[in-house]
N, C-alpha and C. Protein backbone atom coordinates (compact mmCIF):
# COMPACT_ATOMS: atom_id res chain seq x y z
N ARG A 1 35.14 9.83 -11.43
CA ARG A 1 33.97 10.20 -12.21
C ARG A 1 32.98 10.89 -11.30
N LYS A 2 32.50 12.03 -11.70
CA LYS A 2 31.51 12.78 -10.92
C LYS A 2 30.12 12.26 -11.21
N ILE A 3 29.33 12.11 -10.16
CA ILE A 3 27.96 11.64 -10.32
C ILE A 3 27.01 12.80 -10.08
N ASN A 4 26.09 12.98 -10.98
CA ASN A 4 25.06 14.00 -10.83
C ASN A 4 23.97 13.42 -9.92
N MET A 5 24.01 13.80 -8.63
CA MET A 5 23.08 13.22 -7.66
C MET A 5 21.63 13.53 -7.99
N LYS A 6 21.36 14.73 -8.52
CA LYS A 6 19.99 15.07 -8.88
C LYS A 6 19.47 14.10 -9.95
N LYS A 7 20.32 13.83 -10.95
CA LYS A 7 19.95 12.90 -12.02
C LYS A 7 19.80 11.48 -11.47
N GLU A 8 20.73 11.08 -10.59
CA GLU A 8 20.68 9.75 -9.99
C GLU A 8 19.41 9.56 -9.16
N LYS A 9 19.05 10.57 -8.36
CA LYS A 9 17.85 10.48 -7.52
C LYS A 9 16.60 10.36 -8.38
N THR A 10 16.52 11.17 -9.44
CA THR A 10 15.36 11.10 -10.33
C THR A 10 15.27 9.73 -10.97
N LYS A 11 16.40 9.20 -11.40
CA LYS A 11 16.44 7.88 -12.02
C LYS A 11 16.01 6.81 -11.01
N SER A 12 16.47 6.93 -9.76
CA SER A 12 16.13 5.92 -8.76
C SER A 12 14.64 5.88 -8.47
N PHE A 13 13.99 7.04 -8.44
CA PHE A 13 12.56 7.07 -8.17
C PHE A 13 11.80 6.38 -9.30
N GLN A 14 12.33 6.47 -10.52
CA GLN A 14 11.68 5.81 -11.66
C GLN A 14 11.76 4.30 -11.52
N GLN A 15 12.67 3.80 -10.68
CA GLN A 15 12.80 2.37 -10.46
C GLN A 15 11.88 1.87 -9.34
N ASP A 16 11.34 2.79 -8.54
CA ASP A 16 10.34 2.41 -7.55
C ASP A 16 9.13 1.92 -8.33
N LYS A 17 8.46 0.87 -7.84
CA LYS A 17 7.42 0.23 -8.65
C LYS A 17 6.20 -0.11 -7.82
N LEU A 18 5.02 0.16 -8.38
CA LEU A 18 3.76 -0.22 -7.78
C LEU A 18 3.23 -1.45 -8.51
N PHE A 19 2.96 -2.50 -7.77
CA PHE A 19 2.44 -3.74 -8.34
C PHE A 19 0.97 -3.89 -7.95
N ASN A 20 0.15 -4.31 -8.89
CA ASN A 20 -1.27 -4.52 -8.64
C ASN A 20 -1.56 -6.00 -8.82
N ASN A 21 -2.05 -6.63 -7.78
CA ASN A 21 -2.31 -8.07 -7.80
C ASN A 21 -3.80 -8.38 -7.93
N ALA A 22 -4.56 -7.45 -8.49
CA ALA A 22 -6.01 -7.61 -8.55
C ALA A 22 -6.49 -8.23 -9.85
N GLY A 23 -5.61 -8.84 -10.60
CA GLY A 23 -5.99 -9.40 -11.90
C GLY A 23 -7.08 -10.44 -11.83
N ASP A 24 -7.37 -11.03 -12.95
CA ASP A 24 -8.44 -12.03 -13.06
C ASP A 24 -8.29 -13.14 -12.02
N GLU A 25 -9.41 -13.52 -11.48
CA GLU A 25 -9.50 -14.65 -10.56
C GLU A 25 -8.82 -14.45 -9.21
N HIS A 26 -8.47 -13.23 -8.87
CA HIS A 26 -7.90 -12.98 -7.55
C HIS A 26 -8.96 -12.39 -6.62
N TYR A 27 -8.99 -12.91 -5.39
CA TYR A 27 -9.80 -12.35 -4.31
C TYR A 27 -11.29 -12.36 -4.60
N LEU A 28 -11.76 -13.45 -5.21
CA LEU A 28 -13.17 -13.55 -5.60
C LEU A 28 -14.06 -14.21 -4.55
N ASN A 29 -13.49 -14.65 -3.45
CA ASN A 29 -14.32 -15.26 -2.41
C ASN A 29 -14.29 -14.41 -1.15
N PRO A 30 -15.32 -14.54 -0.33
CA PRO A 30 -15.41 -13.69 0.88
C PRO A 30 -14.22 -13.84 1.83
N GLU A 31 -13.56 -14.99 1.82
CA GLU A 31 -12.41 -15.21 2.70
C GLU A 31 -11.21 -14.35 2.30
N ALA A 32 -11.24 -13.80 1.10
CA ALA A 32 -10.12 -12.98 0.61
C ALA A 32 -9.89 -11.78 1.51
N THR A 33 -10.95 -11.23 2.07
CA THR A 33 -10.82 -10.05 2.93
C THR A 33 -9.91 -10.36 4.12
N GLU A 34 -10.22 -11.42 4.83
CA GLU A 34 -9.41 -11.80 5.98
C GLU A 34 -8.01 -12.22 5.55
N PHE A 35 -7.91 -12.98 4.47
CA PHE A 35 -6.61 -13.45 3.99
C PHE A 35 -5.68 -12.28 3.70
N VAL A 36 -6.13 -11.30 2.92
CA VAL A 36 -5.29 -10.17 2.52
C VAL A 36 -4.91 -9.32 3.73
N ILE A 37 -5.88 -9.00 4.58
CA ILE A 37 -5.58 -8.15 5.74
C ILE A 37 -4.61 -8.84 6.68
N ARG A 38 -4.81 -10.11 6.93
CA ARG A 38 -3.90 -10.84 7.82
C ARG A 38 -2.51 -10.98 7.21
N TYR A 39 -2.44 -11.16 5.89
CA TYR A 39 -1.14 -11.23 5.22
C TYR A 39 -0.39 -9.91 5.36
N ILE A 40 -1.07 -8.80 5.09
CA ILE A 40 -0.43 -7.49 5.14
C ILE A 40 0.02 -7.13 6.55
N THR A 41 -0.80 -7.44 7.54
CA THR A 41 -0.49 -7.10 8.93
C THR A 41 0.31 -8.19 9.64
N ARG A 42 0.58 -9.25 8.92
CA ARG A 42 1.35 -10.40 9.44
C ARG A 42 0.71 -11.00 10.69
N THR A 43 -0.61 -11.06 10.68
CA THR A 43 -1.34 -11.71 11.77
C THR A 43 -1.90 -13.05 11.27
N ASN A 44 -1.24 -13.62 10.27
CA ASN A 44 -1.70 -14.87 9.65
C ASN A 44 -0.94 -16.07 10.19
N LYS A 45 -0.40 -15.97 11.37
CA LYS A 45 0.31 -17.05 12.05
C LYS A 45 1.62 -17.43 11.36
N LYS A 46 2.08 -16.59 10.45
CA LYS A 46 3.40 -16.78 9.85
C LYS A 46 4.33 -15.74 10.47
N SER A 47 5.60 -15.82 10.15
CA SER A 47 6.58 -14.91 10.73
C SER A 47 6.19 -13.45 10.48
N ASN A 48 6.32 -12.65 11.52
CA ASN A 48 6.05 -11.22 11.38
C ASN A 48 7.32 -10.41 11.57
N LYS A 49 8.47 -11.05 11.38
CA LYS A 49 9.75 -10.37 11.60
C LYS A 49 10.00 -9.26 10.60
N ASP A 50 9.34 -9.31 9.44
CA ASP A 50 9.57 -8.28 8.42
C ASP A 50 8.59 -7.12 8.53
N LEU A 51 7.62 -7.19 9.44
CA LEU A 51 6.63 -6.11 9.59
C LEU A 51 7.21 -4.98 10.42
N LEU A 52 7.23 -3.77 9.84
CA LEU A 52 7.69 -2.59 10.57
C LEU A 52 6.52 -1.85 11.20
N SER A 53 5.39 -1.76 10.47
CA SER A 53 4.21 -1.09 11.00
C SER A 53 3.01 -1.42 10.13
N TRP A 54 1.84 -1.16 10.67
CA TRP A 54 0.62 -1.28 9.87
C TRP A 54 -0.37 -0.23 10.35
N GLY A 55 -1.36 0.04 9.49
CA GLY A 55 -2.39 1.01 9.83
C GLY A 55 -3.43 1.04 8.72
N GLY A 56 -4.25 2.06 8.71
CA GLY A 56 -5.25 2.14 7.66
C GLY A 56 -6.10 3.38 7.74
N PHE A 57 -7.02 3.47 6.78
CA PHE A 57 -7.99 4.56 6.70
C PHE A 57 -9.38 3.95 6.55
N GLY A 58 -10.36 4.61 7.17
CA GLY A 58 -11.73 4.12 7.10
C GLY A 58 -11.98 2.96 8.04
N ILE A 59 -11.07 2.77 8.98
CA ILE A 59 -11.16 1.66 9.93
C ILE A 59 -10.79 2.18 11.32
N SER A 60 -11.12 1.40 12.33
CA SER A 60 -10.70 1.71 13.70
C SER A 60 -9.57 0.75 14.05
N GLU A 61 -8.34 1.19 13.83
CA GLU A 61 -7.16 0.35 14.06
C GLU A 61 -7.07 -0.13 15.51
N SER A 62 -7.45 0.72 16.43
CA SER A 62 -7.27 0.41 17.85
C SER A 62 -8.12 -0.77 18.32
N LEU A 63 -9.12 -1.15 17.53
CA LEU A 63 -9.99 -2.27 17.92
C LEU A 63 -9.39 -3.63 17.57
N GLY A 64 -8.29 -3.65 16.81
CA GLY A 64 -7.62 -4.90 16.48
C GLY A 64 -7.99 -5.42 15.10
N ILE A 65 -7.25 -6.42 14.68
CA ILE A 65 -7.37 -6.97 13.32
C ILE A 65 -8.73 -7.58 13.06
N LYS A 66 -9.26 -8.35 13.97
CA LYS A 66 -10.57 -9.00 13.75
C LYS A 66 -11.65 -7.94 13.50
N ALA A 67 -11.61 -6.85 14.28
CA ALA A 67 -12.58 -5.77 14.09
C ALA A 67 -12.38 -5.09 12.74
N VAL A 68 -11.13 -4.91 12.33
CA VAL A 68 -10.85 -4.30 11.03
C VAL A 68 -11.43 -5.16 9.91
N ILE A 69 -11.22 -6.45 10.00
CA ILE A 69 -11.77 -7.38 9.00
C ILE A 69 -13.29 -7.27 8.95
N ASN A 70 -13.92 -7.23 10.11
CA ASN A 70 -15.38 -7.09 10.17
C ASN A 70 -15.85 -5.75 9.60
N GLN A 71 -15.08 -4.69 9.82
CA GLN A 71 -15.44 -3.39 9.26
C GLN A 71 -15.40 -3.43 7.73
N PHE A 72 -14.41 -4.10 7.16
CA PHE A 72 -14.35 -4.27 5.70
C PHE A 72 -15.58 -5.05 5.21
N LYS A 73 -15.92 -6.12 5.91
CA LYS A 73 -17.05 -6.96 5.50
C LYS A 73 -18.38 -6.21 5.59
N GLU A 74 -18.52 -5.37 6.59
CA GLU A 74 -19.75 -4.57 6.71
C GLU A 74 -19.93 -3.64 5.52
N VAL A 75 -18.85 -3.03 5.07
CA VAL A 75 -18.92 -2.16 3.90
C VAL A 75 -19.23 -2.99 2.65
N GLN A 76 -18.67 -4.18 2.56
CA GLN A 76 -18.93 -5.05 1.40
C GLN A 76 -20.41 -5.42 1.30
N GLU A 77 -21.10 -5.44 2.43
CA GLU A 77 -22.53 -5.73 2.41
C GLU A 77 -23.35 -4.61 1.77
N LEU A 78 -22.76 -3.43 1.59
CA LEU A 78 -23.45 -2.33 0.92
C LEU A 78 -23.64 -2.59 -0.57
N HIS A 79 -22.78 -3.46 -1.13
CA HIS A 79 -22.85 -3.74 -2.57
C HIS A 79 -24.04 -4.67 -2.84
N THR A 80 -25.01 -4.18 -3.62
CA THR A 80 -26.25 -4.92 -3.82
C THR A 80 -26.47 -5.39 -5.25
N ARG A 81 -25.48 -5.28 -6.10
CA ARG A 81 -25.63 -5.68 -7.51
C ARG A 81 -26.02 -7.15 -7.60
N GLN A 82 -26.89 -7.44 -8.54
CA GLN A 82 -27.29 -8.83 -8.77
C GLN A 82 -26.15 -9.56 -9.48
N GLY A 83 -26.09 -10.87 -9.31
CA GLY A 83 -25.05 -11.66 -9.98
C GLY A 83 -23.83 -11.83 -9.11
N ALA A 84 -22.75 -12.24 -9.76
CA ALA A 84 -21.50 -12.50 -9.05
C ALA A 84 -20.97 -11.23 -8.40
N PHE A 85 -20.44 -11.38 -7.20
CA PHE A 85 -19.91 -10.24 -6.45
C PHE A 85 -18.64 -9.70 -7.09
N GLY A 86 -17.81 -10.59 -7.62
CA GLY A 86 -16.51 -10.17 -8.16
C GLY A 86 -15.48 -10.10 -7.05
N ARG A 87 -14.48 -9.23 -7.20
CA ARG A 87 -13.41 -9.11 -6.21
C ARG A 87 -13.94 -8.49 -4.92
N TYR A 88 -13.48 -9.05 -3.83
CA TYR A 88 -13.77 -8.49 -2.51
C TYR A 88 -12.69 -7.49 -2.09
N MET A 89 -11.47 -7.73 -2.57
CA MET A 89 -10.32 -6.93 -2.17
C MET A 89 -9.44 -6.64 -3.37
N ASP A 90 -8.68 -5.56 -3.27
CA ASP A 90 -7.57 -5.31 -4.17
C ASP A 90 -6.31 -5.33 -3.31
N HIS A 91 -5.24 -5.81 -3.89
CA HIS A 91 -3.96 -5.91 -3.18
C HIS A 91 -2.88 -5.31 -4.07
N GLU A 92 -2.27 -4.24 -3.59
CA GLU A 92 -1.18 -3.60 -4.31
C GLU A 92 -0.01 -3.44 -3.36
N TRP A 93 1.19 -3.38 -3.90
CA TRP A 93 2.35 -3.09 -3.08
C TRP A 93 3.33 -2.24 -3.86
N TYR A 94 4.00 -1.37 -3.10
CA TYR A 94 4.95 -0.42 -3.65
C TYR A 94 6.34 -0.82 -3.15
N SER A 95 7.22 -1.13 -4.09
CA SER A 95 8.57 -1.58 -3.76
C SER A 95 9.57 -0.48 -4.09
N PHE A 96 10.40 -0.14 -3.12
CA PHE A 96 11.39 0.91 -3.31
C PHE A 96 12.65 0.36 -3.97
N SER A 97 13.27 1.15 -4.84
CA SER A 97 14.54 0.77 -5.47
C SER A 97 15.63 0.76 -4.40
N GLU A 98 16.78 0.19 -4.74
CA GLU A 98 17.91 0.17 -3.80
C GLU A 98 18.31 1.58 -3.39
N THR A 99 18.33 2.49 -4.35
CA THR A 99 18.74 3.87 -4.07
C THR A 99 17.73 4.56 -3.16
N SER A 100 16.45 4.40 -3.47
CA SER A 100 15.42 5.00 -2.61
C SER A 100 15.47 4.40 -1.22
N GLN A 101 15.61 3.08 -1.14
CA GLN A 101 15.68 2.41 0.15
C GLN A 101 16.86 2.93 0.97
N ALA A 102 18.01 3.07 0.33
CA ALA A 102 19.19 3.57 1.05
C ALA A 102 18.92 4.96 1.61
N ALA A 103 18.32 5.83 0.81
CA ALA A 103 18.01 7.18 1.27
C ALA A 103 16.99 7.15 2.40
N LEU A 104 15.94 6.35 2.24
CA LEU A 104 14.91 6.26 3.28
C LEU A 104 15.50 5.82 4.61
N LEU A 105 16.36 4.81 4.56
CA LEU A 105 16.94 4.27 5.80
C LEU A 105 18.05 5.17 6.35
N ASN A 106 18.89 5.71 5.48
CA ASN A 106 19.99 6.57 5.96
C ASN A 106 19.48 7.87 6.56
N TYR A 107 18.41 8.41 6.01
CA TYR A 107 17.86 9.65 6.55
C TYR A 107 16.84 9.38 7.65
N ASP A 108 16.66 8.11 8.00
CA ASP A 108 15.74 7.72 9.07
C ASP A 108 14.33 8.28 8.83
N VAL A 109 13.85 8.10 7.60
CA VAL A 109 12.53 8.57 7.22
C VAL A 109 11.47 7.78 7.99
N ASP A 110 10.45 8.44 8.44
CA ASP A 110 9.32 7.80 9.11
C ASP A 110 8.52 7.04 8.06
N LEU A 111 8.81 5.75 7.91
CA LEU A 111 8.17 4.95 6.86
C LEU A 111 6.68 4.77 7.11
N ASP A 112 6.27 4.73 8.36
CA ASP A 112 4.85 4.62 8.65
C ASP A 112 4.10 5.86 8.17
N ALA A 113 4.68 7.03 8.38
CA ALA A 113 4.03 8.27 7.93
C ALA A 113 3.94 8.31 6.40
N LEU A 114 4.99 7.84 5.72
CA LEU A 114 4.96 7.79 4.25
C LEU A 114 3.90 6.80 3.78
N ALA A 115 3.84 5.62 4.40
CA ALA A 115 2.83 4.62 4.04
C ALA A 115 1.42 5.16 4.28
N ARG A 116 1.26 5.87 5.37
CA ARG A 116 -0.04 6.45 5.71
C ARG A 116 -0.47 7.48 4.66
N GLU A 117 0.47 8.29 4.20
CA GLU A 117 0.16 9.27 3.15
C GLU A 117 -0.24 8.56 1.86
N MET A 118 0.46 7.48 1.53
CA MET A 118 0.12 6.71 0.33
C MET A 118 -1.27 6.07 0.47
N ALA A 119 -1.54 5.50 1.65
CA ALA A 119 -2.84 4.86 1.88
C ALA A 119 -3.97 5.88 1.79
N GLN A 120 -3.71 7.08 2.24
CA GLN A 120 -4.72 8.14 2.17
C GLN A 120 -5.10 8.44 0.71
N ASP A 121 -4.17 8.23 -0.21
CA ASP A 121 -4.45 8.43 -1.63
C ASP A 121 -5.59 7.51 -2.09
N PHE A 122 -5.54 6.23 -1.70
CA PHE A 122 -6.62 5.29 -2.04
C PHE A 122 -7.94 5.74 -1.40
N TYR A 123 -7.86 6.08 -0.13
CA TYR A 123 -9.04 6.41 0.66
C TYR A 123 -9.76 7.63 0.09
N GLU A 124 -9.02 8.68 -0.20
CA GLU A 124 -9.64 9.92 -0.67
C GLU A 124 -10.08 9.86 -2.12
N ARG A 125 -9.34 9.17 -2.97
CA ARG A 125 -9.69 9.13 -4.40
C ARG A 125 -10.78 8.10 -4.70
N ASP A 126 -10.75 6.97 -3.99
CA ASP A 126 -11.66 5.87 -4.30
C ASP A 126 -12.78 5.68 -3.29
N ASN A 127 -12.72 6.41 -2.16
CA ASN A 127 -13.70 6.23 -1.08
C ASN A 127 -13.78 4.77 -0.65
N CYS A 128 -12.61 4.17 -0.48
CA CYS A 128 -12.52 2.77 -0.06
C CYS A 128 -11.63 2.65 1.16
N GLN A 129 -12.00 1.75 2.04
CA GLN A 129 -11.16 1.46 3.19
C GLN A 129 -9.83 0.88 2.70
N VAL A 130 -8.78 1.13 3.45
CA VAL A 130 -7.47 0.60 3.08
C VAL A 130 -6.68 0.25 4.34
N VAL A 131 -5.99 -0.89 4.27
CA VAL A 131 -5.05 -1.31 5.31
C VAL A 131 -3.68 -1.35 4.65
N TYR A 132 -2.67 -0.84 5.35
CA TYR A 132 -1.31 -0.91 4.81
C TYR A 132 -0.39 -1.61 5.80
N GLY A 133 0.68 -2.16 5.27
CA GLY A 133 1.73 -2.76 6.09
C GLY A 133 3.08 -2.43 5.49
N VAL A 134 3.99 -1.91 6.30
CA VAL A 134 5.35 -1.62 5.85
C VAL A 134 6.20 -2.83 6.21
N HIS A 135 6.85 -3.40 5.18
CA HIS A 135 7.67 -4.60 5.37
C HIS A 135 9.11 -4.29 5.00
N LYS A 136 10.02 -4.76 5.83
CA LYS A 136 11.44 -4.60 5.53
C LYS A 136 11.89 -5.80 4.68
N PRO A 137 13.08 -5.74 4.12
CA PRO A 137 13.55 -6.84 3.28
C PRO A 137 13.57 -8.17 4.03
N ASP A 138 13.24 -9.23 3.29
CA ASP A 138 13.31 -10.58 3.82
C ASP A 138 13.78 -11.50 2.69
N ASP A 139 13.62 -12.80 2.88
CA ASP A 139 14.07 -13.74 1.85
C ASP A 139 13.30 -13.60 0.55
N ALA A 140 12.04 -13.22 0.62
CA ALA A 140 11.20 -13.14 -0.58
C ALA A 140 11.34 -11.81 -1.32
N GLU A 141 11.63 -10.75 -0.61
CA GLU A 141 11.66 -9.41 -1.21
C GLU A 141 12.92 -8.70 -0.73
N LYS A 142 13.70 -8.16 -1.66
CA LYS A 142 14.98 -7.54 -1.30
C LYS A 142 14.86 -6.10 -0.85
N HIS A 143 13.72 -5.50 -1.08
CA HIS A 143 13.59 -4.07 -0.79
C HIS A 143 12.47 -3.80 0.21
N VAL A 144 12.61 -2.66 0.90
CA VAL A 144 11.50 -2.19 1.73
C VAL A 144 10.32 -2.01 0.79
N HIS A 145 9.15 -2.44 1.26
CA HIS A 145 7.95 -2.33 0.43
C HIS A 145 6.74 -2.12 1.33
N ILE A 146 5.70 -1.57 0.73
CA ILE A 146 4.47 -1.28 1.46
C ILE A 146 3.32 -1.98 0.75
N HIS A 147 2.61 -2.82 1.49
CA HIS A 147 1.42 -3.50 0.95
C HIS A 147 0.18 -2.68 1.28
N PHE A 148 -0.78 -2.71 0.35
CA PHE A 148 -2.06 -2.05 0.55
C PHE A 148 -3.17 -3.06 0.25
N GLY A 149 -4.08 -3.22 1.20
CA GLY A 149 -5.30 -4.00 0.99
C GLY A 149 -6.45 -3.03 0.90
N ILE A 150 -7.08 -2.98 -0.27
CA ILE A 150 -8.12 -1.99 -0.52
C ILE A 150 -9.46 -2.69 -0.63
N ASN A 151 -10.44 -2.24 0.13
CA ASN A 151 -11.79 -2.80 0.02
C ASN A 151 -12.30 -2.50 -1.39
N ALA A 152 -12.84 -3.50 -2.06
CA ALA A 152 -13.32 -3.32 -3.43
C ALA A 152 -14.67 -2.61 -3.49
N VAL A 153 -15.24 -2.26 -2.32
CA VAL A 153 -16.54 -1.60 -2.28
C VAL A 153 -16.37 -0.19 -1.70
N ASN A 154 -16.92 0.78 -2.41
CA ASN A 154 -16.93 2.18 -2.01
C ASN A 154 -17.82 2.32 -0.78
N PHE A 155 -17.30 2.91 0.30
CA PHE A 155 -18.07 3.00 1.54
C PHE A 155 -19.16 4.07 1.50
N ILE A 156 -19.17 4.92 0.49
CA ILE A 156 -20.19 5.97 0.40
C ILE A 156 -21.42 5.50 -0.37
N ASN A 157 -21.18 4.86 -1.53
CA ASN A 157 -22.32 4.49 -2.38
C ASN A 157 -22.49 2.99 -2.62
N GLY A 158 -21.61 2.16 -2.10
CA GLY A 158 -21.73 0.72 -2.26
C GLY A 158 -21.31 0.20 -3.63
N ASN A 159 -20.84 1.07 -4.49
CA ASN A 159 -20.37 0.63 -5.82
C ASN A 159 -19.01 -0.04 -5.71
N LYS A 160 -18.68 -0.83 -6.70
CA LYS A 160 -17.39 -1.50 -6.74
C LYS A 160 -16.31 -0.54 -7.23
N ARG A 161 -15.14 -0.73 -6.70
CA ARG A 161 -13.95 0.02 -7.13
C ARG A 161 -13.48 -0.55 -8.45
N ARG A 162 -13.21 0.32 -9.39
CA ARG A 162 -12.70 -0.11 -10.69
C ARG A 162 -11.29 0.42 -10.85
N GLU A 163 -10.37 -0.44 -11.15
CA GLU A 163 -8.97 -0.05 -11.30
C GLU A 163 -8.49 -0.55 -12.66
N ASN A 164 -7.79 0.31 -13.38
CA ASN A 164 -7.20 -0.12 -14.64
C ASN A 164 -5.72 0.25 -14.64
N MET A 165 -5.01 -0.19 -15.66
CA MET A 165 -3.56 0.03 -15.73
C MET A 165 -3.20 1.52 -15.70
N ARG A 166 -3.97 2.34 -16.37
CA ARG A 166 -3.70 3.78 -16.39
C ARG A 166 -3.75 4.35 -14.97
N GLN A 167 -4.79 3.96 -14.22
CA GLN A 167 -4.93 4.46 -12.85
C GLN A 167 -3.78 3.97 -11.97
N THR A 168 -3.38 2.71 -12.17
CA THR A 168 -2.26 2.17 -11.40
C THR A 168 -0.98 2.94 -11.71
N LYS A 169 -0.73 3.23 -12.97
CA LYS A 169 0.46 3.99 -13.37
C LYS A 169 0.42 5.42 -12.80
N GLU A 170 -0.75 6.03 -12.82
CA GLU A 170 -0.88 7.37 -12.25
C GLU A 170 -0.62 7.35 -10.74
N ARG A 171 -1.13 6.33 -10.06
CA ARG A 171 -0.90 6.21 -8.61
C ARG A 171 0.58 5.97 -8.36
N GLU A 172 1.22 5.13 -9.17
CA GLU A 172 2.65 4.87 -9.04
C GLU A 172 3.43 6.18 -9.13
N GLU A 173 3.06 7.02 -10.07
CA GLU A 173 3.74 8.31 -10.24
C GLU A 173 3.51 9.21 -9.02
N ARG A 174 2.28 9.22 -8.48
CA ARG A 174 2.02 10.01 -7.26
C ARG A 174 2.86 9.48 -6.10
N PHE A 175 2.97 8.16 -5.96
CA PHE A 175 3.77 7.57 -4.89
C PHE A 175 5.25 7.94 -5.06
N ARG A 176 5.73 7.95 -6.29
CA ARG A 176 7.12 8.35 -6.54
C ARG A 176 7.34 9.79 -6.09
N GLU A 177 6.39 10.66 -6.41
CA GLU A 177 6.52 12.06 -6.02
C GLU A 177 6.47 12.21 -4.50
N MET A 178 5.60 11.45 -3.83
CA MET A 178 5.55 11.49 -2.37
C MET A 178 6.89 11.06 -1.78
N THR A 179 7.44 9.97 -2.31
CA THR A 179 8.72 9.45 -1.82
C THR A 179 9.82 10.47 -2.03
N LYS A 180 9.87 11.02 -3.20
CA LYS A 180 10.90 12.03 -3.53
C LYS A 180 10.79 13.23 -2.59
N ARG A 181 9.58 13.71 -2.39
CA ARG A 181 9.36 14.87 -1.53
C ARG A 181 9.79 14.58 -0.08
N VAL A 182 9.44 13.39 0.42
CA VAL A 182 9.77 13.03 1.80
C VAL A 182 11.29 12.90 1.95
N ILE A 183 11.95 12.25 1.01
CA ILE A 183 13.41 12.10 1.09
C ILE A 183 14.07 13.46 1.03
N GLU A 184 13.61 14.33 0.16
CA GLU A 184 14.19 15.67 0.08
C GLU A 184 14.00 16.44 1.38
N ARG A 185 12.83 16.29 2.00
CA ARG A 185 12.56 16.99 3.27
C ARG A 185 13.48 16.46 4.38
N TYR A 186 13.63 15.13 4.47
CA TYR A 186 14.46 14.55 5.51
C TYR A 186 15.95 14.78 5.27
N SER A 187 16.34 14.91 3.99
CA SER A 187 17.76 15.03 3.67
C SER A 187 18.25 16.47 3.69
N TYR A 188 17.38 17.40 3.90
CA TYR A 188 17.78 18.81 3.88
C TYR A 188 18.94 19.04 4.84
N GLY A 189 20.07 19.44 4.28
CA GLY A 189 21.24 19.73 5.09
C GLY A 189 22.04 18.52 5.53
N LYS A 190 21.68 17.33 5.06
CA LYS A 190 22.39 16.11 5.46
C LYS A 190 23.08 15.50 4.23
N GLN A 191 24.08 14.69 4.48
CA GLN A 191 24.79 13.96 3.43
C GLN A 191 24.66 12.46 3.69
N ILE A 192 24.56 11.69 2.60
CA ILE A 192 24.56 10.22 2.78
C ILE A 192 25.99 9.77 2.98
């Protein structure tokens, strides 16, 4: 049976999924900032064997995790609305399908560069700091995935970031296109 690789690749990208964990009652206390960043960067005293890389935008990575956490908190102090603060952080992750993962790994795609491009999407569209972590498969997750910790406060005007399902779906589609473009670039002239 002949397989239409173009059709298969398009189908596989549709199986890549962006998950948003910012629902009700998540990340409502100030400790959420440190918790999410340490979880993503695996500096939370748990195993870091699944961490491939981490980085971010709107932060000074070279100063270390504690400084990054403090940089997020300083921006959060810009929010001056009366009443409850609401979410301090948003946490999203992008999980690659088996087919996408196979292509990414077989073509030796620079996963950190891809994660950085995805993180830049949050930074430029929402004017929010973002930390990302690329994780390889482990017992909890079968696929390569990228976590994003997004500051819920806009660093330009101090307003809160608002995310809805439509925006998440649109971002998911942009991430699929980025992944597809990167795999096509790396696979040029190569066979799996």
